[in-house]
Amino acid sequence: MKERIAQLVDEKIKYLNVYVSDVYITNEEGQKTFNIALDSSDYIDLNKVTEASKIINEILDKEKALPLDIDVLDIFSQEKGDGENER
């Protein structure tokens, strides 16, 4: 699953210096969430996550790459650091 999503989107989001680091499905309270974690060697701010999310959403819609039974798509960045040196 991760490989397919990364193959679809990594080239399109690389200018943001981010890539897909993990993809997994969770099920909480009957709601299935398709999770895409982004990572980078740099700090990933909210603007980068938002811009990457727009690109990823468009690609996944076009390619019909999400399972049909998914209720929520969650795209987020991996946490970095210890919280003391946050920007």
N, C-alpha and C. Protein backbone atom coordinates (compact mmCIF):
# COMPACT_ATOMS: atom_id res chain seq x y z
N MET A 1 0.82 -1.18 0.00
CA MET A 1 0.00 0.00 0.00
C MET A 1 0.88 1.26 0.00
N LYS A 2 1.87 1.32 0.89
CA LYS A 2 2.75 2.48 0.96
C LYS A 2 3.48 2.68 -0.37
N GLU A 3 3.95 1.59 -0.95
CA GLU A 3 4.71 1.69 -2.19
C GLU A 3 3.86 2.28 -3.31
N ARG A 4 2.61 1.85 -3.40
CA ARG A 4 1.73 2.36 -4.45
C ARG A 4 1.47 3.86 -4.28
N ILE A 5 1.16 4.28 -3.07
CA ILE A 5 0.89 5.70 -2.82
C ILE A 5 2.14 6.53 -3.06
N ALA A 6 3.27 6.05 -2.56
CA ALA A 6 4.54 6.77 -2.77
C ALA A 6 4.85 6.89 -4.26
N GLN A 7 4.63 5.82 -4.98
CA GLN A 7 4.88 5.83 -6.42
C GLN A 7 4.01 6.88 -7.13
N LEU A 8 2.79 7.02 -6.69
CA LEU A 8 1.87 7.98 -7.29
C LEU A 8 2.20 9.43 -6.96
N VAL A 9 2.65 9.70 -5.73
CA VAL A 9 2.73 11.10 -5.29
C VAL A 9 4.14 11.64 -5.02
N ASP A 10 5.10 10.80 -4.70
CA ASP A 10 6.41 11.32 -4.29
C ASP A 10 7.04 12.27 -5.31
N GLU A 11 6.96 11.93 -6.58
CA GLU A 11 7.56 12.78 -7.61
C GLU A 11 6.89 14.17 -7.65
N LYS A 12 5.59 14.20 -7.40
CA LYS A 12 4.84 15.46 -7.48
C LYS A 12 5.03 16.35 -6.25
N ILE A 13 5.45 15.77 -5.12
CA ILE A 13 5.61 16.58 -3.90
C ILE A 13 7.09 16.78 -3.53
N LYS A 14 7.99 16.26 -4.34
CA LYS A 14 9.41 16.36 -3.97
C LYS A 14 9.92 17.80 -3.94
N TYR A 15 9.30 18.70 -4.73
CA TYR A 15 9.74 20.10 -4.70
C TYR A 15 9.48 20.74 -3.33
N LEU A 16 8.59 20.13 -2.54
CA LEU A 16 8.35 20.60 -1.17
C LEU A 16 9.34 20.00 -0.19
N ASN A 17 10.20 19.12 -0.69
CA ASN A 17 11.18 18.39 0.12
C ASN A 17 10.49 17.50 1.16
N VAL A 18 9.40 16.85 0.74
CA VAL A 18 8.70 15.88 1.57
C VAL A 18 8.46 14.61 0.76
N TYR A 19 8.24 13.51 1.46
CA TYR A 19 7.95 12.24 0.82
C TYR A 19 7.04 11.42 1.73
N VAL A 20 6.40 10.42 1.16
CA VAL A 20 5.52 9.53 1.92
C VAL A 20 6.39 8.57 2.72
N SER A 21 6.24 8.60 4.04
CA SER A 21 7.04 7.71 4.89
C SER A 21 6.24 6.51 5.41
N ASP A 22 4.91 6.66 5.45
CA ASP A 22 4.09 5.54 5.92
C ASP A 22 2.66 5.74 5.43
N VAL A 23 1.97 4.61 5.22
CA VAL A 23 0.56 4.60 4.84
C VAL A 23 -0.09 3.46 5.60
N TYR A 24 -1.20 3.74 6.26
CA TYR A 24 -1.89 2.68 7.00
C TYR A 24 -3.35 3.08 7.22
N ILE A 25 -4.15 2.10 7.54
CA ILE A 25 -5.58 2.30 7.79
C ILE A 25 -5.85 2.06 9.27
N THR A 26 -6.63 2.96 9.87
CA THR A 26 -7.08 2.77 11.24
C THR A 26 -8.61 2.73 11.25
N ASN A 27 -9.14 2.12 12.29
CA ASN A 27 -10.59 2.03 12.44
C ASN A 27 -10.92 2.38 13.88
N GLU A 28 -11.47 3.57 14.07
CA GLU A 28 -11.85 4.03 15.40
C GLU A 28 -13.32 4.40 15.42
N GLU A 29 -14.04 3.82 16.33
CA GLU A 29 -15.46 4.09 16.50
C GLU A 29 -16.23 3.90 15.19
N GLY A 30 -15.84 2.87 14.43
CA GLY A 30 -16.52 2.54 13.19
C GLY A 30 -16.17 3.42 12.02
N GLN A 31 -15.20 4.31 12.19
CA GLN A 31 -14.79 5.21 11.11
C GLN A 31 -13.42 4.78 10.60
N LYS A 32 -13.35 4.40 9.31
CA LYS A 32 -12.09 3.97 8.71
C LYS A 32 -11.33 5.19 8.18
N THR A 33 -10.08 5.32 8.62
CA THR A 33 -9.24 6.44 8.22
C THR A 33 -8.03 5.92 7.45
N PHE A 34 -7.78 6.50 6.30
CA PHE A 34 -6.61 6.20 5.49
C PHE A 34 -5.57 7.25 5.86
N ASN A 35 -4.49 6.83 6.50
CA ASN A 35 -3.46 7.73 7.02
C ASN A 35 -2.25 7.75 6.11
N ILE A 36 -1.79 8.94 5.78
CA ILE A 36 -0.56 9.12 5.00
C ILE A 36 0.36 10.02 5.80
N ALA A 37 1.51 9.46 6.20
CA ALA A 37 2.50 10.23 6.95
C ALA A 37 3.56 10.75 6.00
N LEU A 38 3.87 12.03 6.12
CA LEU A 38 4.91 12.66 5.32
C LEU A 38 6.14 12.87 6.18
N ASP A 39 7.30 12.79 5.56
CA ASP A 39 8.54 13.03 6.29
C ASP A 39 9.47 13.84 5.41
N SER A 40 10.53 14.35 6.03
CA SER A 40 11.50 15.18 5.34
C SER A 40 12.76 15.24 6.18
N SER A 41 13.84 15.63 5.54
CA SER A 41 15.06 15.87 6.31
C SER A 41 14.99 17.24 6.97
N ASP A 42 14.03 18.06 6.53
CA ASP A 42 13.82 19.40 7.07
C ASP A 42 12.58 19.42 7.95
N TYR A 43 12.38 20.55 8.60
CA TYR A 43 11.17 20.81 9.37
C TYR A 43 10.00 20.92 8.38
N ILE A 44 8.88 20.27 8.68
CA ILE A 44 7.70 20.35 7.82
C ILE A 44 6.66 21.23 8.52
N ASP A 45 6.45 22.41 7.95
CA ASP A 45 5.47 23.31 8.56
C ASP A 45 4.08 23.02 8.01
N LEU A 46 3.10 23.64 8.60
CA LEU A 46 1.71 23.43 8.23
C LEU A 46 1.44 23.79 6.77
N ASN A 47 2.11 24.82 6.26
CA ASN A 47 1.91 25.21 4.87
C ASN A 47 2.33 24.10 3.92
N LYS A 48 3.44 23.42 4.22
CA LYS A 48 3.89 22.31 3.38
C LYS A 48 2.91 21.15 3.44
N VAL A 49 2.42 20.84 4.61
CA VAL A 49 1.44 19.76 4.75
C VAL A 49 0.18 20.09 3.96
N THR A 50 -0.26 21.33 4.05
CA THR A 50 -1.46 21.76 3.33
C THR A 50 -1.26 21.67 1.83
N GLU A 51 -0.14 22.15 1.35
CA GLU A 51 0.13 22.12 -0.08
C GLU A 51 0.27 20.68 -0.58
N ALA A 52 1.00 19.86 0.17
CA ALA A 52 1.16 18.45 -0.20
C ALA A 52 -0.19 17.75 -0.18
N SER A 53 -1.03 18.07 0.78
CA SER A 53 -2.35 17.44 0.89
C SER A 53 -3.21 17.73 -0.34
N LYS A 54 -3.16 18.96 -0.82
CA LYS A 54 -3.92 19.32 -2.02
C LYS A 54 -3.47 18.49 -3.22
N ILE A 55 -2.17 18.35 -3.37
CA ILE A 55 -1.61 17.59 -4.49
C ILE A 55 -1.98 16.11 -4.35
N ILE A 56 -1.80 15.57 -3.16
CA ILE A 56 -2.08 14.15 -2.91
C ILE A 56 -3.56 13.86 -3.12
N ASN A 57 -4.44 14.70 -2.60
CA ASN A 57 -5.89 14.52 -2.78
C ASN A 57 -6.25 14.44 -4.26
N GLU A 58 -5.72 15.38 -5.03
CA GLU A 58 -6.01 15.42 -6.47
C GLU A 58 -5.55 14.13 -7.16
N ILE A 59 -4.36 13.68 -6.83
CA ILE A 59 -3.82 12.46 -7.45
C ILE A 59 -4.63 11.24 -7.05
N LEU A 60 -4.94 11.11 -5.77
CA LEU A 60 -5.69 9.95 -5.30
C LEU A 60 -7.09 9.91 -5.90
N ASP A 61 -7.72 11.08 -6.05
CA ASP A 61 -9.03 11.15 -6.69
C ASP A 61 -8.95 10.72 -8.15
N LYS A 62 -7.97 11.27 -8.85
CA LYS A 62 -7.80 10.98 -10.28
C LYS A 62 -7.52 9.49 -10.51
N GLU A 63 -6.66 8.92 -9.69
CA GLU A 63 -6.25 7.52 -9.85
C GLU A 63 -7.20 6.53 -9.16
N LYS A 64 -8.18 7.06 -8.44
CA LYS A 64 -9.10 6.22 -7.65
C LYS A 64 -8.31 5.21 -6.81
N ALA A 65 -7.33 5.77 -6.09
CA ALA A 65 -6.38 4.95 -5.33
C ALA A 65 -6.80 4.64 -3.90
N LEU A 66 -7.88 5.26 -3.43
CA LEU A 66 -8.35 4.97 -2.07
C LEU A 66 -9.34 3.82 -2.08
N PRO A 67 -9.27 2.95 -1.09
CA PRO A 67 -10.31 1.91 -0.97
C PRO A 67 -11.68 2.56 -0.83
N LEU A 68 -12.69 1.93 -1.36
CA LEU A 68 -14.05 2.50 -1.38
C LEU A 68 -14.66 2.67 0.01
N ASP A 69 -14.22 1.86 0.97
CA ASP A 69 -14.84 1.90 2.30
C ASP A 69 -14.17 2.88 3.26
N ILE A 70 -13.32 3.77 2.75
CA ILE A 70 -12.63 4.75 3.59
C ILE A 70 -13.54 5.95 3.86
N ASP A 71 -13.61 6.35 5.13
CA ASP A 71 -14.43 7.49 5.52
C ASP A 71 -13.64 8.80 5.56
N VAL A 72 -12.35 8.71 5.96
CA VAL A 72 -11.54 9.91 6.18
C VAL A 72 -10.14 9.69 5.60
N LEU A 73 -9.60 10.74 4.98
CA LEU A 73 -8.21 10.75 4.55
C LEU A 73 -7.46 11.70 5.47
N ASP A 74 -6.41 11.22 6.14
CA ASP A 74 -5.63 12.04 7.06
C ASP A 74 -4.19 12.08 6.56
N ILE A 75 -3.72 13.27 6.19
CA ILE A 75 -2.36 13.47 5.73
C ILE A 75 -1.67 14.34 6.76
N PHE A 76 -0.54 13.87 7.29
CA PHE A 76 0.12 14.59 8.38
C PHE A 76 1.62 14.40 8.28
N SER A 77 2.37 15.19 9.06
CA SER A 77 3.83 15.08 9.07
C SER A 77 4.29 14.27 10.27
N GLN A 78 5.40 13.59 10.07
CA GLN A 78 6.04 12.86 11.16
C GLN A 78 6.55 13.89 12.17
N GLU A 79 6.52 13.55 13.44
CA GLU A 79 7.06 14.46 14.46
C GLU A 79 8.57 14.41 14.44
N LYS A 80 9.17 15.54 14.69
CA LYS A 80 10.62 15.65 14.75
C LYS A 80 11.02 16.27 16.08
N GLY A 81 12.19 15.89 16.55
CA GLY A 81 12.76 16.54 17.72
C GLY A 81 12.10 16.14 19.01
N ASP A 82 12.48 16.86 20.06
CA ASP A 82 12.03 16.55 21.41
C ASP A 82 11.01 17.56 21.93
N GLY A 83 10.60 18.49 21.08
CA GLY A 83 9.61 19.48 21.51
C GLY A 83 10.23 20.72 22.11
N GLU A 84 11.51 20.67 22.47
CA GLU A 84 12.16 21.83 23.09
C GLU A 84 12.61 22.85 22.07
N ASN A 85 12.92 22.38 20.86
CA ASN A 85 13.45 23.27 19.84
C ASN A 85 12.46 23.48 18.71
N GLU A 86 11.19 23.45 19.02
CA GLU A 86 10.16 23.63 18.00
C GLU A 86 10.15 25.07 17.52
N ARG A 87 9.82 25.27 16.28
CA ARG A 87 9.77 26.63 15.70
C ARG A 87 8.50 27.30 16.06
